[in-house]
Amino acid sequence: MKKFIIAALLALTTPALAQPAAAPAAPAAPPAAAVPSTPKNWATIVMTANVSRNADEAWKRMGGNDYCAFIKSLGMNSCVLTVGSGNVGTNRRLNDRIDELMVSKTSRSYVYAQPTSAIFYHGTMAVEPVSATTSRIVYTLVYDNANIAPAGRAAEMDRRRVRFQEAIDKMAAAANAP
């Protein structure tokens, strides 16, 4: 009986032992060469306007929950929500050609990006409390101006600053109105 059990075990295990070991896996391919990125020159512009109301009231009066309110203050012809309803992930289309995706939102702020823009433009609209009865509108732009000749960058930044400050001032006037 012992000989039978030993023979059976050998019969069962011998083919497995006789098989060659699996070849080791080929080493992973090296990562593809990174695509060289174009040089960036990030420009930042911060603009503010004071409001004689608490931050929550200022946000409400300036239309902060309306993702198109700031665009209306800029005097653009159209602002249409093409995706979403004003929360993160909402896309607004400006003048039938510019898309801006909301990427973040709080009770008194939102952040958007123009991801298909050559300058990869980002904007943050916020109202910050200064005291219990006053606040400040803060609008921050960040964009890549590497494609603008260095000699023209300051003038281009000034143009943006003037245009957007006018809109912020209109929103502050709405928030300060009786």
N, C-alpha and C. Protein backbone atom coordinates (compact mmCIF):
# COMPACT_ATOMS: atom_id res chain seq x y z
N MET A 1 0.82 -1.18 0.00
CA MET A 1 0.00 0.00 0.00
C MET A 1 0.87 1.26 0.00
N LYS A 2 1.99 1.23 0.79
CA LYS A 2 2.88 2.38 0.83
C LYS A 2 3.43 2.66 -0.55
N LYS A 3 3.82 1.61 -1.26
CA LYS A 3 4.38 1.79 -2.59
C LYS A 3 3.36 2.41 -3.52
N PHE A 4 2.07 2.03 -3.37
CA PHE A 4 1.01 2.58 -4.20
C PHE A 4 0.83 4.09 -3.94
N ILE A 5 0.82 4.50 -2.68
CA ILE A 5 0.64 5.91 -2.32
C ILE A 5 1.82 6.74 -2.83
N ILE A 6 3.04 6.20 -2.65
CA ILE A 6 4.22 6.93 -3.10
C ILE A 6 4.19 7.06 -4.62
N ALA A 7 3.82 5.99 -5.29
CA ALA A 7 3.77 6.03 -6.75
C ALA A 7 2.70 7.02 -7.22
N ALA A 8 1.56 7.06 -6.53
CA ALA A 8 0.48 7.98 -6.91
C ALA A 8 0.92 9.42 -6.71
N LEU A 9 1.57 9.70 -5.58
CA LEU A 9 2.05 11.07 -5.32
C LEU A 9 3.09 11.49 -6.34
N LEU A 10 3.99 10.57 -6.67
CA LEU A 10 5.00 10.89 -7.68
C LEU A 10 4.36 11.14 -9.04
N ALA A 11 3.35 10.38 -9.35
CA ALA A 11 2.67 10.55 -10.64
C ALA A 11 1.98 11.90 -10.72
N LEU A 12 1.42 12.31 -9.60
CA LEU A 12 0.71 13.59 -9.58
C LEU A 12 1.66 14.79 -9.60
N THR A 13 2.78 14.67 -8.93
CA THR A 13 3.67 15.83 -8.80
C THR A 13 4.77 15.88 -9.82
N THR A 14 5.14 14.79 -10.39
CA THR A 14 6.26 14.78 -11.32
C THR A 14 6.02 15.65 -12.54
N PRO A 15 4.82 15.61 -13.21
CA PRO A 15 4.65 16.47 -14.36
C PRO A 15 4.82 17.94 -13.99
N ALA A 16 4.33 18.34 -12.85
CA ALA A 16 4.46 19.74 -12.45
C ALA A 16 5.91 20.10 -12.20
N LEU A 17 6.64 19.15 -11.60
CA LEU A 17 8.05 19.42 -11.33
C LEU A 17 8.86 19.40 -12.60
N ALA A 18 8.40 18.61 -13.56
CA ALA A 18 9.16 18.49 -14.79
C ALA A 18 8.97 19.70 -15.72
N GLN A 19 7.93 20.49 -15.50
CA GLN A 19 7.70 21.65 -16.37
C GLN A 19 8.73 22.72 -16.08
N PRO A 20 9.22 23.36 -17.13
CA PRO A 20 10.19 24.43 -16.89
C PRO A 20 9.50 25.59 -16.17
N ALA A 21 10.27 26.27 -15.38
CA ALA A 21 9.74 27.43 -14.67
C ALA A 21 9.33 28.49 -15.68
N ALA A 22 8.31 29.22 -15.32
CA ALA A 22 7.84 30.29 -16.21
C ALA A 22 8.95 31.31 -16.38
N ALA A 23 9.06 31.80 -17.57
CA ALA A 23 10.09 32.82 -17.83
C ALA A 23 9.76 34.06 -17.03
N PRO A 24 10.77 34.74 -16.50
CA PRO A 24 10.49 35.96 -15.75
C PRO A 24 9.84 36.99 -16.66
N ALA A 25 9.00 37.78 -16.07
CA ALA A 25 8.30 38.81 -16.85
C ALA A 25 9.32 39.78 -17.43
N ALA A 26 9.03 40.22 -18.61
CA ALA A 26 9.91 41.20 -19.25
C ALA A 26 9.90 42.48 -18.43
N PRO A 27 11.02 43.14 -18.33
CA PRO A 27 11.02 44.40 -17.57
C PRO A 27 10.08 45.41 -18.21
N ALA A 28 9.50 46.22 -17.36
CA ALA A 28 8.57 47.24 -17.85
C ALA A 28 9.29 48.16 -18.81
N ALA A 29 8.56 48.58 -19.80
CA ALA A 29 9.13 49.52 -20.76
C ALA A 29 9.44 50.83 -20.06
N PRO A 30 10.53 51.45 -20.43
CA PRO A 30 10.83 52.74 -19.79
C PRO A 30 9.73 53.74 -20.13
N PRO A 31 9.49 54.69 -19.24
CA PRO A 31 8.44 55.67 -19.53
C PRO A 31 8.76 56.43 -20.82
N ALA A 32 7.71 56.76 -21.51
CA ALA A 32 7.88 57.52 -22.74
C ALA A 32 8.54 58.85 -22.41
N ALA A 33 9.32 59.32 -23.30
CA ALA A 33 9.98 60.60 -23.08
C ALA A 33 8.92 61.67 -22.89
N ALA A 34 9.12 62.49 -21.90
CA ALA A 34 8.16 63.55 -21.64
C ALA A 34 8.12 64.52 -22.81
N VAL A 35 6.93 64.95 -23.13
CA VAL A 35 6.79 65.94 -24.18
C VAL A 35 7.29 67.26 -23.62
N PRO A 36 8.25 67.86 -24.27
CA PRO A 36 8.75 69.12 -23.72
C PRO A 36 7.64 70.15 -23.68
N SER A 37 7.51 70.79 -22.55
CA SER A 37 6.47 71.81 -22.44
C SER A 37 7.04 73.14 -22.90
N THR A 38 6.14 73.95 -23.36
CA THR A 38 6.57 75.27 -23.76
C THR A 38 6.83 76.09 -22.51
N PRO A 39 7.75 77.00 -22.57
CA PRO A 39 8.03 77.83 -21.39
C PRO A 39 6.78 78.59 -20.96
N LYS A 40 6.59 78.72 -19.68
CA LYS A 40 5.44 79.43 -19.13
C LYS A 40 5.92 80.72 -18.48
N ASN A 41 5.07 81.69 -18.49
CA ASN A 41 5.33 82.94 -17.80
C ASN A 41 4.02 83.35 -17.14
N TRP A 42 3.80 82.85 -15.94
CA TRP A 42 2.52 83.06 -15.26
C TRP A 42 2.42 84.49 -14.75
N ALA A 43 1.36 85.14 -15.15
CA ALA A 43 1.07 86.50 -14.71
C ALA A 43 -0.08 86.43 -13.71
N THR A 44 -0.01 87.24 -12.68
CA THR A 44 -1.06 87.28 -11.67
C THR A 44 -1.48 88.73 -11.45
N ILE A 45 -2.78 88.94 -11.45
CA ILE A 45 -3.33 90.27 -11.20
C ILE A 45 -4.40 90.10 -10.12
N VAL A 46 -4.30 90.86 -9.05
CA VAL A 46 -5.29 90.83 -7.98
C VAL A 46 -5.95 92.20 -7.93
N MET A 47 -7.28 92.21 -7.99
CA MET A 47 -8.05 93.46 -7.94
C MET A 47 -9.07 93.37 -6.82
N THR A 48 -9.36 94.49 -6.19
CA THR A 48 -10.30 94.50 -5.08
C THR A 48 -11.24 95.70 -5.16
N ALA A 49 -12.31 95.59 -4.41
CA ALA A 49 -13.23 96.71 -4.21
C ALA A 49 -13.87 96.53 -2.85
N ASN A 50 -13.98 97.61 -2.10
CA ASN A 50 -14.57 97.56 -0.77
C ASN A 50 -16.09 97.68 -0.83
N VAL A 51 -16.73 96.98 0.09
CA VAL A 51 -18.20 96.98 0.16
C VAL A 51 -18.61 97.28 1.60
N SER A 52 -19.60 98.15 1.73
CA SER A 52 -20.10 98.53 3.06
C SER A 52 -21.25 97.61 3.50
N ARG A 53 -21.06 96.35 3.31
CA ARG A 53 -22.03 95.33 3.73
C ARG A 53 -21.23 94.11 4.19
N ASN A 54 -21.86 93.27 4.99
CA ASN A 54 -21.17 92.05 5.38
C ASN A 54 -20.97 91.17 4.15
N ALA A 55 -20.07 90.22 4.24
CA ALA A 55 -19.67 89.42 3.08
C ALA A 55 -20.84 88.64 2.47
N ASP A 56 -21.69 88.06 3.30
CA ASP A 56 -22.82 87.29 2.76
C ASP A 56 -23.78 88.19 1.98
N GLU A 57 -24.08 89.35 2.53
CA GLU A 57 -24.99 90.28 1.86
C GLU A 57 -24.36 90.83 0.57
N ALA A 58 -23.06 91.13 0.63
CA ALA A 58 -22.37 91.63 -0.57
C ALA A 58 -22.41 90.58 -1.68
N TRP A 59 -22.13 89.32 -1.34
CA TRP A 59 -22.15 88.24 -2.34
C TRP A 59 -23.53 88.12 -2.98
N LYS A 60 -24.54 88.21 -2.14
CA LYS A 60 -25.92 88.11 -2.65
C LYS A 60 -26.25 89.29 -3.56
N ARG A 61 -25.94 90.52 -3.13
CA ARG A 61 -26.30 91.71 -3.89
C ARG A 61 -25.53 91.83 -5.21
N MET A 62 -24.31 91.32 -5.25
CA MET A 62 -23.54 91.41 -6.49
C MET A 62 -23.85 90.25 -7.43
N GLY A 63 -24.75 89.38 -7.01
CA GLY A 63 -25.15 88.25 -7.87
C GLY A 63 -24.14 87.13 -7.88
N GLY A 64 -23.42 86.96 -6.79
CA GLY A 64 -22.35 85.96 -6.73
C GLY A 64 -22.78 84.55 -7.06
N ASN A 65 -24.02 84.19 -6.74
CA ASN A 65 -24.48 82.83 -7.05
C ASN A 65 -24.89 82.67 -8.51
N ASP A 66 -24.93 83.78 -9.25
CA ASP A 66 -25.23 83.73 -10.68
C ASP A 66 -23.89 83.68 -11.41
N TYR A 67 -23.56 82.52 -11.98
CA TYR A 67 -22.26 82.33 -12.63
C TYR A 67 -22.05 83.30 -13.80
N CYS A 68 -23.10 83.92 -14.28
CA CYS A 68 -22.96 84.88 -15.38
C CYS A 68 -22.97 86.35 -14.91
N ALA A 69 -23.16 86.61 -13.62
CA ALA A 69 -23.25 87.99 -13.13
C ALA A 69 -22.00 88.81 -13.45
N PHE A 70 -20.83 88.25 -13.21
CA PHE A 70 -19.59 88.98 -13.48
C PHE A 70 -19.46 89.27 -14.96
N ILE A 71 -19.87 88.33 -15.78
CA ILE A 71 -19.79 88.50 -17.24
C ILE A 71 -20.69 89.65 -17.67
N LYS A 72 -21.87 89.74 -17.06
CA LYS A 72 -22.78 90.85 -17.37
C LYS A 72 -22.14 92.18 -16.99
N SER A 73 -21.40 92.20 -15.86
CA SER A 73 -20.72 93.42 -15.44
C SER A 73 -19.61 93.81 -16.40
N LEU A 74 -19.07 92.84 -17.10
CA LEU A 74 -18.04 93.12 -18.11
C LEU A 74 -18.65 93.67 -19.40
N GLY A 75 -19.97 93.58 -19.52
CA GLY A 75 -20.64 94.09 -20.71
C GLY A 75 -20.57 93.14 -21.90
N MET A 76 -20.31 91.86 -21.65
CA MET A 76 -20.27 90.91 -22.76
C MET A 76 -21.68 90.68 -23.28
N ASN A 77 -21.78 90.34 -24.55
CA ASN A 77 -23.08 90.18 -25.20
C ASN A 77 -23.87 88.98 -24.70
N SER A 78 -23.19 87.88 -24.41
CA SER A 78 -23.94 86.71 -23.97
C SER A 78 -23.13 85.84 -23.03
N CYS A 79 -23.86 85.19 -22.14
CA CYS A 79 -23.31 84.20 -21.23
C CYS A 79 -24.38 83.14 -21.08
N VAL A 80 -24.06 81.92 -21.50
CA VAL A 80 -25.03 80.82 -21.47
C VAL A 80 -24.38 79.64 -20.75
N LEU A 81 -25.10 79.06 -19.81
CA LEU A 81 -24.60 77.85 -19.16
C LEU A 81 -24.86 76.69 -20.12
N THR A 82 -23.80 76.06 -20.59
CA THR A 82 -23.95 74.96 -21.55
C THR A 82 -23.91 73.60 -20.86
N VAL A 83 -23.35 73.55 -19.67
CA VAL A 83 -23.31 72.33 -18.87
C VAL A 83 -23.50 72.76 -17.42
N GLY A 84 -24.33 72.06 -16.68
CA GLY A 84 -24.50 72.35 -15.27
C GLY A 84 -25.46 73.49 -15.00
N SER A 85 -25.59 73.79 -13.69
CA SER A 85 -26.54 74.82 -13.28
C SER A 85 -25.95 75.81 -12.29
N GLY A 86 -24.62 75.95 -12.29
CA GLY A 86 -24.00 76.94 -11.43
C GLY A 86 -23.16 76.34 -10.32
N ASN A 87 -22.93 75.06 -10.35
CA ASN A 87 -22.07 74.42 -9.36
C ASN A 87 -20.78 73.98 -10.03
N VAL A 88 -19.89 73.38 -9.25
CA VAL A 88 -18.63 72.89 -9.81
C VAL A 88 -18.94 71.98 -11.00
N GLY A 89 -18.22 72.18 -12.08
CA GLY A 89 -18.46 71.42 -13.30
C GLY A 89 -19.34 72.15 -14.31
N THR A 90 -19.86 73.31 -13.93
CA THR A 90 -20.69 74.11 -14.85
C THR A 90 -19.78 74.81 -15.85
N ASN A 91 -20.20 74.81 -17.08
CA ASN A 91 -19.48 75.53 -18.13
C ASN A 91 -20.34 76.70 -18.59
N ARG A 92 -19.72 77.88 -18.65
CA ARG A 92 -20.41 79.03 -19.24
C ARG A 92 -19.73 79.35 -20.55
N ARG A 93 -20.54 79.66 -21.54
CA ARG A 93 -20.01 80.04 -22.86
C ARG A 93 -20.26 81.53 -23.03
N LEU A 94 -19.20 82.25 -23.31
CA LEU A 94 -19.25 83.70 -23.45
C LEU A 94 -19.18 84.08 -24.92
N ASN A 95 -20.11 84.94 -25.33
CA ASN A 95 -20.14 85.43 -26.70
C ASN A 95 -20.04 84.30 -27.73
N ASP A 96 -20.63 83.18 -27.43
CA ASP A 96 -20.67 82.03 -28.35
C ASP A 96 -19.31 81.49 -28.76
N ARG A 97 -18.25 81.79 -27.97
CA ARG A 97 -16.93 81.31 -28.39
C ARG A 97 -15.96 80.99 -27.27
N ILE A 98 -16.17 81.48 -26.07
CA ILE A 98 -15.22 81.27 -24.97
C ILE A 98 -15.89 80.39 -23.92
N ASP A 99 -15.25 79.27 -23.57
CA ASP A 99 -15.76 78.38 -22.54
C ASP A 99 -14.98 78.57 -21.25
N GLU A 100 -15.74 78.68 -20.15
CA GLU A 100 -15.12 78.79 -18.82
C GLU A 100 -15.76 77.77 -17.91
N LEU A 101 -14.94 76.88 -17.38
CA LEU A 101 -15.38 75.78 -16.53
C LEU A 101 -15.20 76.14 -15.07
N MET A 102 -16.27 76.04 -14.27
CA MET A 102 -16.15 76.28 -12.83
C MET A 102 -15.46 75.07 -12.21
N VAL A 103 -14.33 75.32 -11.55
CA VAL A 103 -13.56 74.22 -10.98
C VAL A 103 -13.60 74.17 -9.45
N SER A 104 -14.13 75.21 -8.83
CA SER A 104 -14.24 75.23 -7.37
C SER A 104 -15.29 76.25 -6.98
N LYS A 105 -15.91 76.02 -5.81
CA LYS A 105 -16.94 76.96 -5.34
C LYS A 105 -17.08 76.85 -3.83
N THR A 106 -17.25 78.01 -3.18
CA THR A 106 -17.58 78.06 -1.75
C THR A 106 -18.83 78.92 -1.61
N SER A 107 -19.21 79.22 -0.40
CA SER A 107 -20.42 80.02 -0.19
C SER A 107 -20.27 81.45 -0.69
N ARG A 108 -19.02 81.95 -0.82
CA ARG A 108 -18.80 83.31 -1.30
C ARG A 108 -17.64 83.39 -2.29
N SER A 109 -17.48 82.36 -3.11
CA SER A 109 -16.42 82.41 -4.11
C SER A 109 -16.62 81.32 -5.15
N TYR A 110 -15.98 81.52 -6.28
CA TYR A 110 -15.84 80.45 -7.26
C TYR A 110 -14.56 80.66 -8.05
N VAL A 111 -14.07 79.58 -8.61
CA VAL A 111 -12.86 79.59 -9.42
C VAL A 111 -13.23 78.97 -10.76
N TYR A 112 -12.76 79.59 -11.83
CA TYR A 112 -13.02 79.04 -13.16
C TYR A 112 -11.73 79.01 -13.95
N ALA A 113 -11.75 78.22 -15.02
CA ALA A 113 -10.59 78.13 -15.91
C ALA A 113 -11.08 78.10 -17.34
N GLN A 114 -10.24 78.60 -18.21
CA GLN A 114 -10.45 78.49 -19.66
C GLN A 114 -9.45 77.44 -20.15
N PRO A 115 -9.76 76.17 -19.99
CA PRO A 115 -8.78 75.12 -20.26
C PRO A 115 -8.33 75.00 -21.71
N THR A 116 -9.11 75.49 -22.65
CA THR A 116 -8.70 75.39 -24.05
C THR A 116 -8.04 76.66 -24.55
N SER A 117 -7.91 77.63 -23.70
CA SER A 117 -7.29 78.90 -24.08
C SER A 117 -5.78 78.74 -24.20
N ALA A 118 -5.19 79.42 -25.15
CA ALA A 118 -3.74 79.40 -25.32
C ALA A 118 -3.02 79.97 -24.11
N ILE A 119 -3.71 80.78 -23.31
CA ILE A 119 -3.07 81.37 -22.14
C ILE A 119 -3.50 80.68 -20.84
N PHE A 120 -4.27 79.61 -20.95
CA PHE A 120 -4.75 78.82 -19.81
C PHE A 120 -5.13 79.72 -18.63
N TYR A 121 -6.12 80.51 -18.89
CA TYR A 121 -6.61 81.56 -18.02
C TYR A 121 -7.38 80.99 -16.83
N HIS A 122 -7.14 81.51 -15.63
CA HIS A 122 -7.87 81.13 -14.42
C HIS A 122 -8.36 82.40 -13.73
N GLY A 123 -9.54 82.36 -13.17
CA GLY A 123 -10.05 83.50 -12.42
C GLY A 123 -10.70 83.04 -11.13
N THR A 124 -10.55 83.84 -10.09
CA THR A 124 -11.22 83.58 -8.81
C THR A 124 -12.00 84.82 -8.43
N MET A 125 -13.30 84.64 -8.23
CA MET A 125 -14.17 85.72 -7.76
C MET A 125 -14.54 85.37 -6.31
N ALA A 126 -14.30 86.31 -5.41
CA ALA A 126 -14.57 86.03 -4.00
C ALA A 126 -14.99 87.30 -3.28
N VAL A 127 -15.73 87.12 -2.20
CA VAL A 127 -16.01 88.20 -1.27
C VAL A 127 -15.47 87.75 0.08
N GLU A 128 -14.61 88.59 0.66
CA GLU A 128 -13.99 88.26 1.94
C GLU A 128 -14.47 89.24 3.00
N PRO A 129 -14.78 88.74 4.19
CA PRO A 129 -15.18 89.65 5.27
C PRO A 129 -14.00 90.50 5.72
N VAL A 130 -14.27 91.77 5.98
CA VAL A 130 -13.27 92.67 6.56
C VAL A 130 -13.63 92.90 8.01
N SER A 131 -14.91 93.07 8.27
CA SER A 131 -15.43 93.22 9.64
C SER A 131 -16.84 92.61 9.64
N ALA A 132 -17.55 92.78 10.72
CA ALA A 132 -18.90 92.24 10.79
C ALA A 132 -19.85 92.95 9.82
N THR A 133 -19.50 94.17 9.41
CA THR A 133 -20.40 94.95 8.55
C THR A 133 -19.79 95.38 7.22
N THR A 134 -18.56 95.00 6.97
CA THR A 134 -17.91 95.38 5.70
C THR A 134 -17.21 94.17 5.09
N SER A 135 -16.95 94.27 3.79
CA SER A 135 -16.29 93.17 3.09
C SER A 135 -15.50 93.71 1.91
N ARG A 136 -14.85 92.82 1.21
CA ARG A 136 -14.06 93.21 0.06
C ARG A 136 -14.26 92.18 -1.05
N ILE A 137 -14.54 92.69 -2.25
CA ILE A 137 -14.56 91.82 -3.43
C ILE A 137 -13.10 91.64 -3.84
N VAL A 138 -12.71 90.40 -4.08
CA VAL A 138 -11.35 90.11 -4.52
C VAL A 138 -11.45 89.27 -5.79
N TYR A 139 -10.86 89.77 -6.86
CA TYR A 139 -10.85 89.05 -8.12
C TYR A 139 -9.39 88.82 -8.50
N THR A 140 -9.03 87.57 -8.70
CA THR A 140 -7.65 87.21 -9.01
C THR A 140 -7.59 86.53 -10.36
N LEU A 141 -6.70 87.00 -11.21
CA LEU A 141 -6.46 86.39 -12.52
C LEU A 141 -5.08 85.77 -12.50
N VAL A 142 -4.97 84.58 -13.07
CA VAL A 142 -3.69 83.94 -13.29
C VAL A 142 -3.74 83.42 -14.72
N TYR A 143 -2.72 83.76 -15.50
CA TYR A 143 -2.69 83.29 -16.88
C TYR A 143 -1.25 83.26 -17.38
N ASP A 144 -1.05 82.52 -18.45
CA ASP A 144 0.27 82.38 -19.05
C ASP A 144 0.41 83.41 -20.17
N ASN A 145 1.31 84.37 -19.97
CA ASN A 145 1.50 85.37 -21.02
C ASN A 145 2.80 85.16 -21.79
N ALA A 146 3.28 83.91 -21.81
CA ALA A 146 4.52 83.61 -22.52
C ALA A 146 4.41 83.88 -24.01
N ASN A 147 3.20 83.79 -24.56
CA ASN A 147 3.05 84.03 -26.01
C ASN A 147 2.94 85.51 -26.35
N ILE A 148 3.08 86.37 -25.36
CA ILE A 148 3.06 87.82 -25.59
C ILE A 148 4.50 88.30 -25.52
N ALA A 149 4.88 89.11 -26.46
CA ALA A 149 6.26 89.62 -26.48
C ALA A 149 6.56 90.31 -25.15
N PRO A 150 7.73 90.04 -24.57
CA PRO A 150 8.06 90.63 -23.28
C PRO A 150 7.84 92.14 -23.21
N ALA A 151 8.10 92.83 -24.30
CA ALA A 151 7.93 94.29 -24.30
C ALA A 151 6.46 94.70 -24.18
N GLY A 152 5.53 93.81 -24.53
CA GLY A 152 4.12 94.14 -24.49
C GLY A 152 3.37 93.60 -23.29
N ARG A 153 4.04 92.85 -22.43
CA ARG A 153 3.36 92.19 -21.30
C ARG A 153 2.78 93.18 -20.30
N ALA A 154 3.51 94.21 -19.96
CA ALA A 154 3.02 95.17 -18.97
C ALA A 154 1.77 95.88 -19.49
N ALA A 155 1.77 96.29 -20.76
CA ALA A 155 0.60 96.96 -21.33
C ALA A 155 -0.59 96.01 -21.39
N GLU A 156 -0.33 94.75 -21.72
CA GLU A 156 -1.40 93.77 -21.79
C GLU A 156 -1.99 93.54 -20.39
N MET A 157 -1.16 93.45 -19.37
CA MET A 157 -1.64 93.30 -18.00
C MET A 157 -2.46 94.51 -17.58
N ASP A 158 -2.00 95.70 -17.92
CA ASP A 158 -2.74 96.92 -17.58
C ASP A 158 -4.12 96.93 -18.25
N ARG A 159 -4.17 96.50 -19.50
CA ARG A 159 -5.46 96.44 -20.21
C ARG A 159 -6.43 95.51 -19.48
N ARG A 160 -5.94 94.34 -19.07
CA ARG A 160 -6.79 93.41 -18.33
C ARG A 160 -7.21 94.00 -16.98
N ARG A 161 -6.25 94.61 -16.30
CA ARG A 161 -6.53 95.18 -14.98
C ARG A 161 -7.63 96.25 -15.07
N VAL A 162 -7.53 97.14 -16.04
CA VAL A 162 -8.52 98.21 -16.21
C VAL A 162 -9.89 97.61 -16.52
N ARG A 163 -9.93 96.68 -17.46
CA ARG A 163 -11.21 96.10 -17.88
C ARG A 163 -11.90 95.37 -16.73
N PHE A 164 -11.17 94.53 -16.03
CA PHE A 164 -11.78 93.75 -14.96
C PHE A 164 -12.06 94.59 -13.73
N GLN A 165 -11.23 95.59 -13.46
CA GLN A 165 -11.51 96.46 -12.30
C GLN A 165 -12.82 97.22 -12.51
N GLU A 166 -13.07 97.65 -13.74
CA GLU A 166 -14.34 98.34 -14.02
C GLU A 166 -15.52 97.43 -13.69
N ALA A 167 -15.45 96.16 -14.03
CA ALA A 167 -16.53 95.22 -13.72
C ALA A 167 -16.65 94.99 -12.22
N ILE A 168 -15.54 94.88 -11.53
CA ILE A 168 -15.57 94.69 -10.09
C ILE A 168 -16.17 95.92 -9.41
N ASP A 169 -15.82 97.09 -9.90
CA ASP A 169 -16.39 98.31 -9.35
C ASP A 169 -17.91 98.36 -9.56
N LYS A 170 -18.39 97.88 -10.69
CA LYS A 170 -19.85 97.82 -10.95
C LYS A 170 -20.51 96.86 -9.95
N MET A 171 -19.85 95.74 -9.70
CA MET A 171 -20.41 94.79 -8.74
C MET A 171 -20.40 95.36 -7.33
N ALA A 172 -19.36 96.10 -7.00
CA ALA A 172 -19.29 96.74 -5.67
C ALA A 172 -20.39 97.79 -5.54
N ALA A 173 -20.64 98.54 -6.62
CA ALA A 173 -21.72 99.54 -6.60
C ALA A 173 -23.07 98.85 -6.36
N ALA A 174 -23.29 97.72 -7.00
CA ALA A 174 -24.54 96.98 -6.79
C ALA A 174 -24.63 96.50 -5.35
N ALA A 175 -23.52 96.03 -4.81
CA ALA A 175 -23.53 95.55 -3.42
C ALA A 175 -23.71 96.69 -2.42
N ASN A 176 -23.21 97.88 -2.75
CA ASN A 176 -23.30 99.04 -1.85
C ASN A 176 -24.61 99.82 -2.01
N ALA A 177 -25.37 99.53 -3.04
CA ALA A 177 -26.61 100.29 -3.30
C ALA A 177 -27.58 100.16 -2.15
N PRO A 178 -28.34 101.24 -1.89
CA PRO A 178 -29.32 101.18 -0.79
C PRO A 178 -30.39 100.14 -1.02
